[in-house]
Amino acid sequence: MSKLTADLQANLDLFIQETKQTELVWGMRNEEGWLCCDSTEFENSEVMPFWSSKEEAKLHNVEEWADFEVLEIPLDIFVEDWLITLDEDGVLIGTNWNNELQGKEVEPSDLAKMYLD
């Protein structure tokens, strides 16, 4: 059972809170690379989804994403390396997507700033 709701801002807040506590971010990867999708909010943009817990990520590890492996990324590497690279590549970050595959899509630089608060 997911603790994520239809309140996308609350899910983003939970993402920041939980990843600060555990110092881990969770994503999905297969032999072709990390999971990346077309943005639902912005035309011609890609979004890479991440979750604040392994359990939430595993809920999405089904159907067309069943061939992906749920993997952890240390928070310091995520913030200091991934967010910079994804920002340069113009890829958005999808945070704590819920059961409807909805979640805040944020600029990597904006997400990095949230960790400074």
Protein backbone atom coordinates (compact mmCIF):
# COMPACT_ATOMS: atom_id res chain seq x y z
CA MET A 1 0.00 0.00 0.00
CA SER A 2 1.40 3.34 -1.03
CA LYS A 3 1.68 6.25 1.37
CA LEU A 4 1.75 8.64 -1.59
CA THR A 5 -1.44 10.57 -2.29
CA ALA A 6 -2.99 12.79 -4.96
CA ASP A 7 -1.38 15.77 -3.15
CA LEU A 8 1.70 16.13 -5.34
CA GLN A 9 3.24 18.88 -3.20
CA ALA A 10 2.92 16.68 -0.10
CA ASN A 11 4.60 13.83 -2.01
CA LEU A 12 7.46 16.17 -2.97
CA ASP A 13 7.81 17.31 0.64
CA LEU A 14 7.90 13.66 1.73
CA PHE A 15 10.57 12.97 -0.91
CA ILE A 16 12.84 15.68 0.53
CA GLN A 17 12.15 14.67 4.14
CA GLU A 18 12.67 10.91 3.67
CA THR A 19 15.74 11.18 1.44
CA LYS A 20 17.37 13.51 3.97
CA GLN A 21 16.68 10.94 6.71
CA THR A 22 17.82 7.82 4.85
CA GLU A 23 20.40 9.59 2.64
CA LEU A 24 19.15 7.43 -0.25
CA VAL A 25 17.17 8.06 -3.44
CA TRP A 26 15.59 5.20 -5.39
CA GLY A 27 15.34 4.86 -9.17
CA MET A 28 14.90 2.15 -11.78
CA ARG A 29 17.42 0.92 -14.28
CA ASN A 30 17.58 -1.80 -16.94
CA GLU A 31 20.29 -2.82 -19.41
CA GLU A 32 19.46 0.23 -21.55
CA GLY A 33 19.83 2.74 -18.72
CA TRP A 34 17.85 4.61 -16.12
CA LEU A 35 14.09 4.94 -16.51
CA CYS A 36 13.18 8.15 -18.33
CA CYS A 37 9.76 9.16 -19.69
CA ASP A 38 8.15 11.97 -21.63
CA SER A 39 6.99 14.77 -19.37
CA THR A 40 3.25 15.12 -18.89
CA GLU A 41 3.64 18.77 -17.88
CA PHE A 42 6.14 20.15 -20.39
CA GLU A 43 6.31 19.54 -24.14
CA ASN A 44 9.52 18.11 -25.57
CA SER A 45 10.89 17.41 -22.10
CA GLU A 46 11.96 14.20 -20.45
CA VAL A 47 11.50 13.34 -16.82
CA MET A 48 13.39 10.81 -14.74
CA PRO A 49 11.33 9.44 -11.83
CA PHE A 50 12.81 8.87 -8.37
CA TRP A 51 11.29 7.78 -5.09
CA SER A 52 12.17 8.33 -1.46
CA SER A 53 11.75 4.67 -0.52
CA LYS A 54 12.50 1.30 -2.07
CA GLU A 55 8.94 0.16 -1.31
CA GLU A 56 7.37 3.01 -3.30
CA ALA A 57 9.71 2.42 -6.24
CA LYS A 58 8.93 -1.32 -6.23
CA LEU A 59 5.19 -0.56 -6.57
CA HIS A 60 6.01 0.76 -10.06
CA ASN A 61 8.34 -2.12 -10.98
CA VAL A 62 5.52 -3.86 -12.91
CA GLU A 63 4.04 -4.18 -16.40
CA GLU A 64 6.08 -2.14 -18.91
CA TRP A 65 8.65 -1.37 -16.19
CA ALA A 66 8.95 -4.97 -14.94
CA ASP A 67 12.34 -5.45 -16.62
CA PHE A 68 13.83 -2.61 -14.54
CA GLU A 69 15.74 -3.11 -11.32
CA VAL A 70 15.05 -0.85 -8.35
CA LEU A 71 18.38 0.65 -7.26
CA GLU A 72 19.52 3.04 -4.57
CA ILE A 73 21.59 6.15 -5.15
CA PRO A 74 23.39 7.77 -2.20
CA LEU A 75 21.86 11.20 -1.60
CA ASP A 76 25.18 13.07 -1.72
CA ILE A 77 26.00 11.61 -5.15
CA PHE A 78 22.43 12.30 -6.33
CA VAL A 79 22.60 15.98 -5.31
CA GLU A 80 26.24 16.71 -6.17
CA ASP A 81 26.50 14.70 -9.41
CA TRP A 82 23.17 13.52 -10.83
CA LEU A 83 21.25 16.78 -10.42
CA ILE A 84 24.03 18.79 -12.05
CA THR A 85 24.29 16.39 -15.00
CA LEU A 86 20.51 16.10 -15.46
CA ASP A 87 20.20 19.89 -15.28
CA GLU A 88 22.81 20.23 -18.05
CA ASP A 89 20.92 17.62 -20.10
CA GLY A 90 17.58 19.39 -19.59
CA VAL A 91 15.98 16.38 -17.88
CA LEU A 92 13.35 17.02 -15.22
CA ILE A 93 13.11 15.09 -11.95
CA GLY A 94 9.86 13.29 -11.16
CA THR A 95 9.50 12.98 -7.40
CA ASN A 96 7.58 10.22 -5.61
CA TRP A 97 5.21 9.32 -8.43
CA ASN A 98 1.97 7.96 -7.01
CA ASN A 99 -0.15 5.05 -8.24
CA GLU A 100 -1.47 7.22 -11.10
CA LEU A 101 2.13 7.98 -12.17
CA GLN A 102 1.65 11.56 -11.05
CA GLY A 103 4.26 13.55 -9.23
CA LYS A 104 5.83 16.97 -9.22
CA GLU A 105 8.19 17.43 -12.14
CA VAL A 106 10.92 19.81 -11.01
CA GLU A 107 14.07 21.29 -12.46
CA PRO A 108 17.13 19.52 -11.02
CA SER A 109 18.59 22.85 -9.85
CA ASP A 110 15.35 23.66 -8.00
CA LEU A 111 15.38 20.25 -6.33
CA ALA A 112 19.01 20.75 -5.26
CA LYS A 113 18.02 24.05 -3.58
CA MET A 114 15.35 22.24 -1.56
CA TYR A 115 18.09 20.27 0.17
CA LEU A 116 19.70 23.50 1.38
CA ASP A 117 16.64 24.52 3.43
